[in-house]
Amino acid sequence: MTKLSVNINKVATIRNARGGNTPDVLQFAVDCERFGAQGITVHPRPDERHIRYSDALALKPLLREEFNIEGNPKGRAQNPPYGFIDLVKEIRPAQVTLVPDAEGVLTSNAGWDTVSHQDYLCDVVKEFKRCGIRVSIFIDADARMIEMAAKTGTDRVELYTESYVSRYTADREAAVAPFVKAAAVAHECGLGLNAGHDLSLENLTFFHQQIPWLDEVSIGHALISDALYLGIEETIRRYRQCLG
């Protein structure tokens, strides 16, 4: 079964727009689990423009399903100074997903170059695994990068699916083909497989049909947007349906 992890960053964005605690990010995460989410994902960035480091710390004792924290290991919040690696090691979530975000980017826009960053990733993966945390590396659908990711000791890779989504309407078979090949390489390398970025009710079913052995999809922007119309309970039900 492919698990659905709900990324709640956008809920925090709405809260931060007005200050205060509306909507309540922590309660929203708990409710997502109650409505069928099999995981909660957060992606704290150094500017804390959506999820804050303090949110991640507060979520840990509340969640019953898998907690996935995404981010750049080099990231560091300013107030108070606190590193991403320190945060993850303190919380010890079920999974950490390493994403090569540059500071100031609007959203994640590339996977790791696991060749040029091989030594660094080896060190980071080792440090997290020593704490008993499953590690996933955010990566493009590129066989070479996946093969080199496997050499870091990571448990999984997460396929960056933006190119699939952007080409889906024009030719979905062509759009998914590189991901099917990449998924096969990951399987041959003994890696678990996640996917995420811009997946939606429109394109998720077909993606999953082509790669049914996916371990997990992490979805935030589209899912939270759908919830504005459908409500969060019905939205989660529909995304779970897409995953069979």
C-alpha atoms as a PDB file:
ATOM      1  CA  MET A   1       0.000   0.000   0.000  1.00  0.00           C
ATOM      2  CA  THR A   2       1.248   3.464  -0.917  1.00  0.00           C
ATOM      3  CA  LYS A   3       0.900   5.810   2.029  1.00  0.00           C
ATOM      4  CA  LEU A   4      -0.425   9.369   1.815  1.00  0.00           C
ATOM      5  CA  SER A   5       1.551  11.917   3.801  1.00  0.00           C
ATOM      6  CA  VAL A   6      -0.113  15.331   4.006  1.00  0.00           C
ATOM      7  CA  ASN A   7       2.205  18.341   3.860  1.00  0.00           C
ATOM      8  CA  ILE A   8       0.697  21.022   6.108  1.00  0.00           C
ATOM      9  CA  ASN A   9       2.992  23.925   5.170  1.00  0.00           C
ATOM     10  CA  LYS A  10       0.176  25.816   3.401  1.00  0.00           C
ATOM     11  CA  VAL A  11      -1.946  25.746   6.547  1.00  0.00           C
ATOM     12  CA  ALA A  12       0.896  27.446   8.395  1.00  0.00           C
ATOM     13  CA  THR A  13       1.171  30.006   5.577  1.00  0.00           C
ATOM     14  CA  ILE A  14      -2.445  31.046   6.160  1.00  0.00           C
ATOM     15  CA  ARG A  15      -1.893  31.263   9.922  1.00  0.00           C
ATOM     16  CA  ASN A  16       1.238  33.359   9.528  1.00  0.00           C
ATOM     17  CA  ALA A  17      -0.504  35.823   7.222  1.00  0.00           C
ATOM     18  CA  ARG A  18      -2.492  37.226  10.167  1.00  0.00           C
ATOM     19  CA  GLY A  19      -0.512  36.148  13.208  1.00  0.00           C
ATOM     20  CA  GLY A  20      -2.186  34.400  16.087  1.00  0.00           C
ATOM     21  CA  ASN A  21      -3.124  30.747  15.883  1.00  0.00           C
ATOM     22  CA  THR A  22      -5.884  30.582  13.266  1.00  0.00           C
ATOM     23  CA  PRO A  23      -5.957  28.090  11.690  1.00  0.00           C
ATOM     24  CA  ASP A  24      -4.480  25.877  14.382  1.00  0.00           C
ATOM     25  CA  VAL A  25      -1.690  23.997  12.588  1.00  0.00           C
ATOM     26  CA  LEU A  26      -1.276  21.392  15.308  1.00  0.00           C
ATOM     27  CA  GLN A  27      -4.979  20.552  15.467  1.00  0.00           C
ATOM     28  CA  PHE A  28      -5.139  20.433  11.675  1.00  0.00           C
ATOM     29  CA  ALA A  29      -2.372  17.811  11.613  1.00  0.00           C
ATOM     30  CA  VAL A  30      -4.148  15.707  14.234  1.00  0.00           C
ATOM     31  CA  ASP A  31      -7.397  15.974  12.272  1.00  0.00           C
ATOM     32  CA  CYS A  32      -5.660  14.928   9.043  1.00  0.00           C
ATOM     33  CA  GLU A  33      -4.591  11.730  10.766  1.00  0.00           C
ATOM     34  CA  ARG A  34      -8.130  11.234  12.108  1.00  0.00           C
ATOM     35  CA  PHE A  35      -9.485  11.564   8.565  1.00  0.00           C
ATOM     36  CA  GLY A  36      -7.110   8.968   7.134  1.00  0.00           C
ATOM     37  CA  ALA A  37      -3.736  10.572   6.434  1.00  0.00           C
ATOM     38  CA  GLN A  38      -1.007   8.002   6.987  1.00  0.00           C
ATOM     39  CA  GLY A  39       1.657  10.571   7.613  1.00  0.00           C
ATOM     40  CA  ILE A  40       2.281  14.275   8.201  1.00  0.00           C
ATOM     41  CA  THR A  41       5.003  16.179   6.374  1.00  0.00           C
ATOM     42  CA  VAL A  42       6.501  19.551   7.268  1.00  0.00           C
ATOM     43  CA  HIS A  43       9.209  21.491   5.468  1.00  0.00           C
ATOM     44  CA  PRO A  44      10.615  24.194   7.761  1.00  0.00           C
ATOM     45  CA  ARG A  45      12.787  26.772   5.997  1.00  0.00           C
ATOM     46  CA  PRO A  46      15.260  29.164   7.636  1.00  0.00           C
ATOM     47  CA  ASP A  47      12.932  32.174   7.179  1.00  0.00           C
ATOM     48  CA  GLU A  48      10.087  30.181   8.799  1.00  0.00           C
ATOM     49  CA  ARG A  49       7.604  31.721   6.359  1.00  0.00           C
ATOM     50  CA  HIS A  50       5.247  28.783   6.872  1.00  0.00           C
ATOM     51  CA  ILE A  51       6.085  25.905   9.226  1.00  0.00           C
ATOM     52  CA  ARG A  52       8.241  27.076  12.104  1.00  0.00           C
ATOM     53  CA  TYR A  53      10.846  25.024  13.883  1.00  0.00           C
ATOM     54  CA  SER A  54       8.684  25.385  17.000  1.00  0.00           C
ATOM     55  CA  ASP A  55       5.742  23.817  15.104  1.00  0.00           C
ATOM     56  CA  ALA A  56       7.822  20.779  14.252  1.00  0.00           C
ATOM     57  CA  LEU A  57       8.832  20.356  17.876  1.00  0.00           C
ATOM     58  CA  ALA A  58       5.238  20.727  19.083  1.00  0.00           C
ATOM     59  CA  LEU A  59       3.881  18.210  16.558  1.00  0.00           C
ATOM     60  CA  LYS A  60       6.053  15.297  17.628  1.00  0.00           C
ATOM     61  CA  PRO A  61       4.107  14.216  20.755  1.00  0.00           C
ATOM     62  CA  LEU A  62       0.740  14.717  19.039  1.00  0.00           C
ATOM     63  CA  LEU A  63       1.154  12.516  15.980  1.00  0.00           C
ATOM     64  CA  ARG A  64       0.376   8.802  15.814  1.00  0.00           C
ATOM     65  CA  GLU A  65       1.232   8.228  12.154  1.00  0.00           C
ATOM     66  CA  GLU A  66       4.583   8.758  10.455  1.00  0.00           C
ATOM     67  CA  PHE A  67       6.184  12.170  10.838  1.00  0.00           C
ATOM     68  CA  ASN A  68       8.313  13.286   7.878  1.00  0.00           C
ATOM     69  CA  ILE A  69      10.499  16.394   8.133  1.00  0.00           C
ATOM     70  CA  GLU A  70      11.855  17.779   4.860  1.00  0.00           C
ATOM     71  CA  GLY A  71      14.586  20.331   4.380  1.00  0.00           C
ATOM     72  CA  ASN A  72      18.126  21.278   3.558  1.00  0.00           C
ATOM     73  CA  PRO A  73      20.554  19.913   6.156  1.00  0.00           C
ATOM     74  CA  LYS A  74      22.463  23.204   5.891  1.00  0.00           C
ATOM     75  CA  GLY A  75      19.378  25.210   6.872  1.00  0.00           C
ATOM     76  CA  ARG A  76      19.421  27.271  10.042  1.00  0.00           C
ATOM     77  CA  ALA A  77      16.636  29.317  11.633  1.00  0.00           C
ATOM     78  CA  GLN A  78      17.593  32.766  12.856  1.00  0.00           C
ATOM     79  CA  ASN A  79      15.397  33.315  15.918  1.00  0.00           C
ATOM     80  CA  PRO A  80      16.614  31.495  17.882  1.00  0.00           C
ATOM     81  CA  PRO A  81      19.615  30.143  15.949  1.00  0.00           C
ATOM     82  CA  TYR A  82      18.833  26.481  15.404  1.00  0.00           C
ATOM     83  CA  GLY A  83      20.090  24.138  12.721  1.00  0.00           C
ATOM     84  CA  PHE A  84      17.930  21.773  10.656  1.00  0.00           C
ATOM     85  CA  ILE A  85      20.095  18.826  11.649  1.00  0.00           C
ATOM     86  CA  ASP A  86      19.745  19.773  15.331  1.00  0.00           C
ATOM     87  CA  LEU A  87      15.975  19.994  14.932  1.00  0.00           C
ATOM     88  CA  VAL A  88      15.641  16.583  13.301  1.00  0.00           C
ATOM     89  CA  LYS A  89      17.938  14.894  15.800  1.00  0.00           C
ATOM     90  CA  GLU A  90      15.945  16.314  18.695  1.00  0.00           C
ATOM     91  CA  ILE A  91      12.569  15.252  17.275  1.00  0.00           C
ATOM     92  CA  ARG A  92      13.705  11.939  15.766  1.00  0.00           C
ATOM     93  CA  PRO A  93      10.813  11.644  13.294  1.00  0.00           C
ATOM     94  CA  ALA A  94      10.102   8.434  11.400  1.00  0.00           C
ATOM     95  CA  GLN A  95      11.683   9.963   8.294  1.00  0.00           C
ATOM     96  CA  VAL A  96      13.828  12.891   7.222  1.00  0.00           C
ATOM     97  CA  THR A  97      13.814  13.929   3.562  1.00  0.00           C
ATOM     98  CA  LEU A  98      16.909  15.783   2.416  1.00  0.00           C
ATOM     99  CA  VAL A  99      16.056  18.576  -0.046  1.00  0.00           C
ATOM    100  CA  PRO A 100      18.702  20.868  -1.622  1.00  0.00           C
ATOM    101  CA  ASP A 101      16.751  24.115  -1.209  1.00  0.00           C
ATOM    102  CA  ALA A 102      18.643  27.331  -1.727  1.00  0.00           C
ATOM    103  CA  GLU A 103      17.702  30.133   0.678  1.00  0.00           C
ATOM    104  CA  GLY A 104      14.859  32.265  -0.589  1.00  0.00           C
ATOM    105  CA  VAL A 105      13.405  29.808  -3.110  1.00  0.00           C
ATOM    106  CA  LEU A 106       9.633  29.885  -3.413  1.00  0.00           C
ATOM    107  CA  THR A 107       9.394  26.083  -3.506  1.00  0.00           C
ATOM    108  CA  SER A 108      11.662  23.098  -4.097  1.00  0.00           C
ATOM    109  CA  ASN A 109      12.849  23.172  -7.703  1.00  0.00           C
ATOM    110  CA  ALA A 110      15.512  20.477  -8.130  1.00  0.00           C
ATOM    111  CA  GLY A 111      16.767  17.218  -6.734  1.00  0.00           C
ATOM    112  CA  TRP A 112      20.239  16.575  -5.328  1.00  0.00           C
ATOM    113  CA  ASP A 113      23.303  16.195  -7.496  1.00  0.00           C
ATOM    114  CA  THR A 114      24.379  13.043  -5.685  1.00  0.00           C
ATOM    115  CA  VAL A 115      27.658  12.887  -7.594  1.00  0.00           C
ATOM    116  CA  SER A 116      29.119  16.249  -6.591  1.00  0.00           C
ATOM    117  CA  HIS A 117      27.579  16.085  -3.094  1.00  0.00           C
ATOM    118  CA  GLN A 118      28.354  12.414  -2.491  1.00  0.00           C
ATOM    119  CA  ASP A 119      30.705  12.853   0.483  1.00  0.00           C
ATOM    120  CA  TYR A 120      28.478  15.403   2.175  1.00  0.00           C
ATOM    121  CA  LEU A 121      25.343  13.279   1.776  1.00  0.00           C
ATOM    122  CA  CYS A 122      27.157  10.209   3.075  1.00  0.00           C
ATOM    123  CA  ASP A 123      28.007  12.096   6.263  1.00  0.00           C
ATOM    124  CA  VAL A 124      24.487  13.474   6.751  1.00  0.00           C
ATOM    125  CA  VAL A 125      22.785  10.147   6.052  1.00  0.00           C
ATOM    126  CA  LYS A 126      25.086   8.396   8.493  1.00  0.00           C
ATOM    127  CA  GLU A 127      24.375  10.981  11.196  1.00  0.00           C
ATOM    128  CA  PHE A 128      20.599  10.620  10.906  1.00  0.00           C
ATOM    129  CA  LYS A 129      20.631   6.834  10.631  1.00  0.00           C
ATOM    130  CA  ARG A 130      22.723   6.700  13.769  1.00  0.00           C
ATOM    131  CA  CYS A 131      19.685   8.263  15.485  1.00  0.00           C
ATOM    132  CA  GLY A 132      17.358   5.609  14.079  1.00  0.00           C
ATOM    133  CA  ILE A 133      15.753   7.949  11.527  1.00  0.00           C
ATOM    134  CA  ARG A 134      14.844   6.676   8.053  1.00  0.00           C
ATOM    135  CA  VAL A 135      16.443   8.862   5.384  1.00  0.00           C
ATOM    136  CA  SER A 136      15.080   9.791   1.967  1.00  0.00           C
ATOM    137  CA  ILE A 137      16.905  11.911  -0.645  1.00  0.00           C
ATOM    138  CA  PHE A 138      14.898  14.236  -2.916  1.00  0.00           C
ATOM    139  CA  ILE A 139      16.038  13.517  -6.443  1.00  0.00           C
ATOM    140  CA  ASP A 140      15.273  13.980 -10.141  1.00  0.00           C
ATOM    141  CA  ALA A 141      14.221  11.032 -12.302  1.00  0.00           C
ATOM    142  CA  ASP A 142      17.815  10.362 -13.313  1.00  0.00           C
ATOM    143  CA  ALA A 143      19.300   6.853 -13.174  1.00  0.00           C
ATOM    144  CA  ARG A 144      22.845   8.042 -12.447  1.00  0.00           C
ATOM    145  CA  MET A 145      21.721  10.246  -9.559  1.00  0.00           C
ATOM    146  CA  ILE A 146      19.676   7.406  -8.086  1.00  0.00           C
ATOM    147  CA  GLU A 147      22.577   4.966  -8.330  1.00  0.00           C
ATOM    148  CA  MET A 148      24.842   7.433  -6.555  1.00  0.00           C
ATOM    149  CA  ALA A 149      22.155   8.142  -3.952  1.00  0.00           C
ATOM    150  CA  ALA A 150      22.185   4.438  -3.116  1.00  0.00           C
ATOM    151  CA  LYS A 151      25.896   4.705  -2.354  1.00  0.00           C
ATOM    152  CA  THR A 152      25.220   7.260   0.390  1.00  0.00           C
ATOM    153  CA  GLY A 153      23.456   4.631   2.497  1.00  0.00           C
ATOM    154  CA  THR A 154      20.058   6.318   2.238  1.00  0.00           C
ATOM    155  CA  ASP A 155      16.980   4.181   2.784  1.00  0.00           C
ATOM    156  CA  ARG A 156      14.810   5.813   0.130  1.00  0.00           C
ATOM    157  CA  VAL A 157      14.708   8.392  -2.623  1.00  0.00           C
ATOM    158  CA  GLU A 158      11.838  10.768  -3.308  1.00  0.00           C
ATOM    159  CA  LEU A 159      11.218  11.427  -6.987  1.00  0.00           C
ATOM    160  CA  TYR A 160      10.728  15.125  -7.784  1.00  0.00           C
ATOM    161  CA  THR A 161       7.593  14.969  -9.913  1.00  0.00           C
ATOM    162  CA  GLU A 162       7.232  18.527 -11.266  1.00  0.00           C
ATOM    163  CA  SER A 163       8.254  17.552 -14.807  1.00  0.00           C
ATOM    164  CA  TYR A 164       5.672  14.740 -14.827  1.00  0.00           C
ATOM    165  CA  VAL A 165       2.937  17.142 -13.772  1.00  0.00           C
ATOM    166  CA  SER A 166       3.882  19.876 -16.238  1.00  0.00           C
ATOM    167  CA  ARG A 167       3.788  17.415 -19.174  1.00  0.00           C
ATOM    168  CA  TYR A 168       0.832  15.333 -18.002  1.00  0.00           C
ATOM    169  CA  THR A 169      -1.936  17.059 -19.945  1.00  0.00           C
ATOM    170  CA  ALA A 170      -0.067  17.029 -23.260  1.00  0.00           C
ATOM    171  CA  ASP A 171       1.109  13.385 -23.134  1.00  0.00           C
ATOM    172  CA  ARG A 172       0.828  11.494 -19.885  1.00  0.00           C
ATOM    173  CA  GLU A 173       2.571   8.348 -21.168  1.00  0.00           C
ATOM    174  CA  ALA A 174       5.626  10.339 -22.227  1.00  0.00           C
ATOM    175  CA  ALA A 175       5.483  12.343 -19.015  1.00  0.00           C
ATOM    176  CA  VAL A 176       5.574   9.293 -16.755  1.00  0.00           C
ATOM    177  CA  ALA A 177       8.096   7.230 -18.757  1.00  0.00           C
ATOM    178  CA  PRO A 178      11.263   8.695 -17.136  1.00  0.00           C
ATOM    179  CA  PHE A 179       9.766   8.096 -13.704  1.00  0.00           C
ATOM    180  CA  VAL A 180       8.946   4.476 -14.431  1.00  0.00           C
ATOM    181  CA  LYS A 181      12.570   3.949 -15.500  1.00  0.00           C
ATOM    182  CA  ALA A 182      13.874   5.801 -12.464  1.00  0.00           C
ATOM    183  CA  ALA A 183      11.625   3.768 -10.159  1.00  0.00           C
ATOM    184  CA  ALA A 184      12.972   0.556 -11.668  1.00  0.00           C
ATOM    185  CA  VAL A 185      16.545   1.716 -11.029  1.00  0.00           C
ATOM    186  CA  ALA A 186      15.696   2.563  -7.425  1.00  0.00           C
ATOM    187  CA  HIS A 187      14.163  -0.887  -6.983  1.00  0.00           C
ATOM    188  CA  GLU A 188      17.274  -2.545  -8.456  1.00  0.00           C
ATOM    189  CA  CYS A 189      19.420  -0.546  -6.041  1.00  0.00           C
ATOM    190  CA  GLY A 190      17.358  -1.769  -3.083  1.00  0.00           C
ATOM    191  CA  LEU A 191      15.934   1.657  -2.297  1.00  0.00           C
ATOM    192  CA  GLY A 192      12.485   2.488  -1.020  1.00  0.00           C
ATOM    193  CA  LEU A 193      10.580   4.932  -3.197  1.00  0.00           C
ATOM    194  CA  ASN A 194       8.652   8.103  -2.395  1.00  0.00           C
ATOM    195  CA  ALA A 195       7.320  10.795  -4.725  1.00  0.00           C
ATOM    196  CA  GLY A 196       6.127  14.352  -4.436  1.00  0.00           C
ATOM    197  CA  HIS A 197       5.708  17.845  -5.849  1.00  0.00           C
ATOM    198  CA  ASP A 198       2.583  19.118  -7.616  1.00  0.00           C
ATOM    199  CA  LEU A 199       0.834  15.734  -7.554  1.00  0.00           C
ATOM    200  CA  SER A 200      -2.939  16.209  -7.497  1.00  0.00           C
ATOM    201  CA  LEU A 201      -6.296  14.492  -7.898  1.00  0.00           C
ATOM    202  CA  GLU A 202      -5.924  15.015 -11.643  1.00  0.00           C
ATOM    203  CA  ASN A 203      -2.616  13.203 -12.129  1.00  0.00           C
ATOM    204  CA  LEU A 204      -2.010  10.994  -9.077  1.00  0.00           C
ATOM    205  CA  THR A 205      -4.028   7.931 -10.096  1.00  0.00           C
ATOM    206  CA  PHE A 206      -2.175   7.447 -13.383  1.00  0.00           C
ATOM    207  CA  PHE A 207       1.216   7.974 -11.734  1.00  0.00           C
ATOM    208  CA  HIS A 208       0.415   5.362  -9.119  1.00  0.00           C
ATOM    209  CA  GLN A 209      -0.889   2.905 -11.691  1.00  0.00           C
ATOM    210  CA  GLN A 210       2.440   3.075 -13.521  1.00  0.00           C
ATOM    211  CA  ILE A 211       4.524   2.767 -10.329  1.00  0.00           C
ATOM    212  CA  PRO A 212       2.319   0.789  -7.920  1.00  0.00           C
ATOM    213  CA  TRP A 213       5.217  -0.100  -5.616  1.00  0.00           C
ATOM    214  CA  LEU A 214       5.595   3.474  -4.367  1.00  0.00           C
ATOM    215  CA  ASP A 215       6.038   3.544  -0.604  1.00  0.00           C
ATOM    216  CA  GLU A 216       4.707   7.055  -0.056  1.00  0.00           C
ATOM    217  CA  VAL A 217       3.532  10.240  -1.717  1.00  0.00           C
ATOM    218  CA  SER A 218       3.839  13.584   0.037  1.00  0.00           C
ATOM    219  CA  ILE A 219       1.268  16.138  -1.109  1.00  0.00           C
ATOM    220  CA  GLY A 220       0.577  19.619   0.197  1.00  0.00           C
ATOM    221  CA  HIS A 221      -0.284  22.499  -2.119  1.00  0.00           C
ATOM    222  CA  ALA A 222      -2.870  20.736  -4.303  1.00  0.00           C
ATOM    223  CA  LEU A 223      -4.391  18.817  -1.405  1.00  0.00           C
ATOM    224  CA  ILE A 224      -4.860  21.891   0.791  1.00  0.00           C
ATOM    225  CA  SER A 225      -6.262  23.808  -2.205  1.00  0.00           C
ATOM    226  CA  ASP A 226      -8.766  21.005  -2.884  1.00  0.00           C
ATOM    227  CA  ALA A 227      -9.781  21.080   0.770  1.00  0.00           C
ATOM    228  CA  LEU A 228     -11.009  24.670   0.350  1.00  0.00           C
ATOM    229  CA  TYR A 229     -13.772  23.274  -1.868  1.00  0.00           C
ATOM    230  CA  LEU A 230     -14.236  19.732  -0.616  1.00  0.00           C
ATOM    231  CA  GLY A 231     -13.310  19.913   3.053  1.00  0.00           C
ATOM    232  CA  ILE A 232     -10.235  18.178   4.420  1.00  0.00           C
ATOM    233  CA  GLU A 233     -11.954  14.881   5.307  1.00  0.00           C
ATOM    234  CA  GLU A 234     -13.394  14.364   1.820  1.00  0.00           C
ATOM    235  CA  THR A 235     -10.155  15.521   0.198  1.00  0.00           C
ATOM    236  CA  ILE A 236      -8.062  12.980   2.077  1.00  0.00           C
ATOM    237  CA  ARG A 237     -10.576  10.278   1.200  1.00  0.00           C
ATOM    238  CA  ARG A 238     -10.267  11.111  -2.507  1.00  0.00           C
ATOM    239  CA  TYR A 239      -6.461  11.133  -2.460  1.00  0.00           C
ATOM    240  CA  ARG A 240      -6.481   7.791  -0.687  1.00  0.00           C
ATOM    241  CA  GLN A 241      -8.789   6.505  -3.423  1.00  0.00           C
ATOM    242  CA  CYS A 242      -6.232   7.553  -6.058  1.00  0.00           C
ATOM    243  CA  LEU A 243      -3.740   5.287  -4.305  1.00  0.00           C
ATOM    244  CA  GLY A 244      -6.061   2.305  -4.361  1.00  0.00           C
END
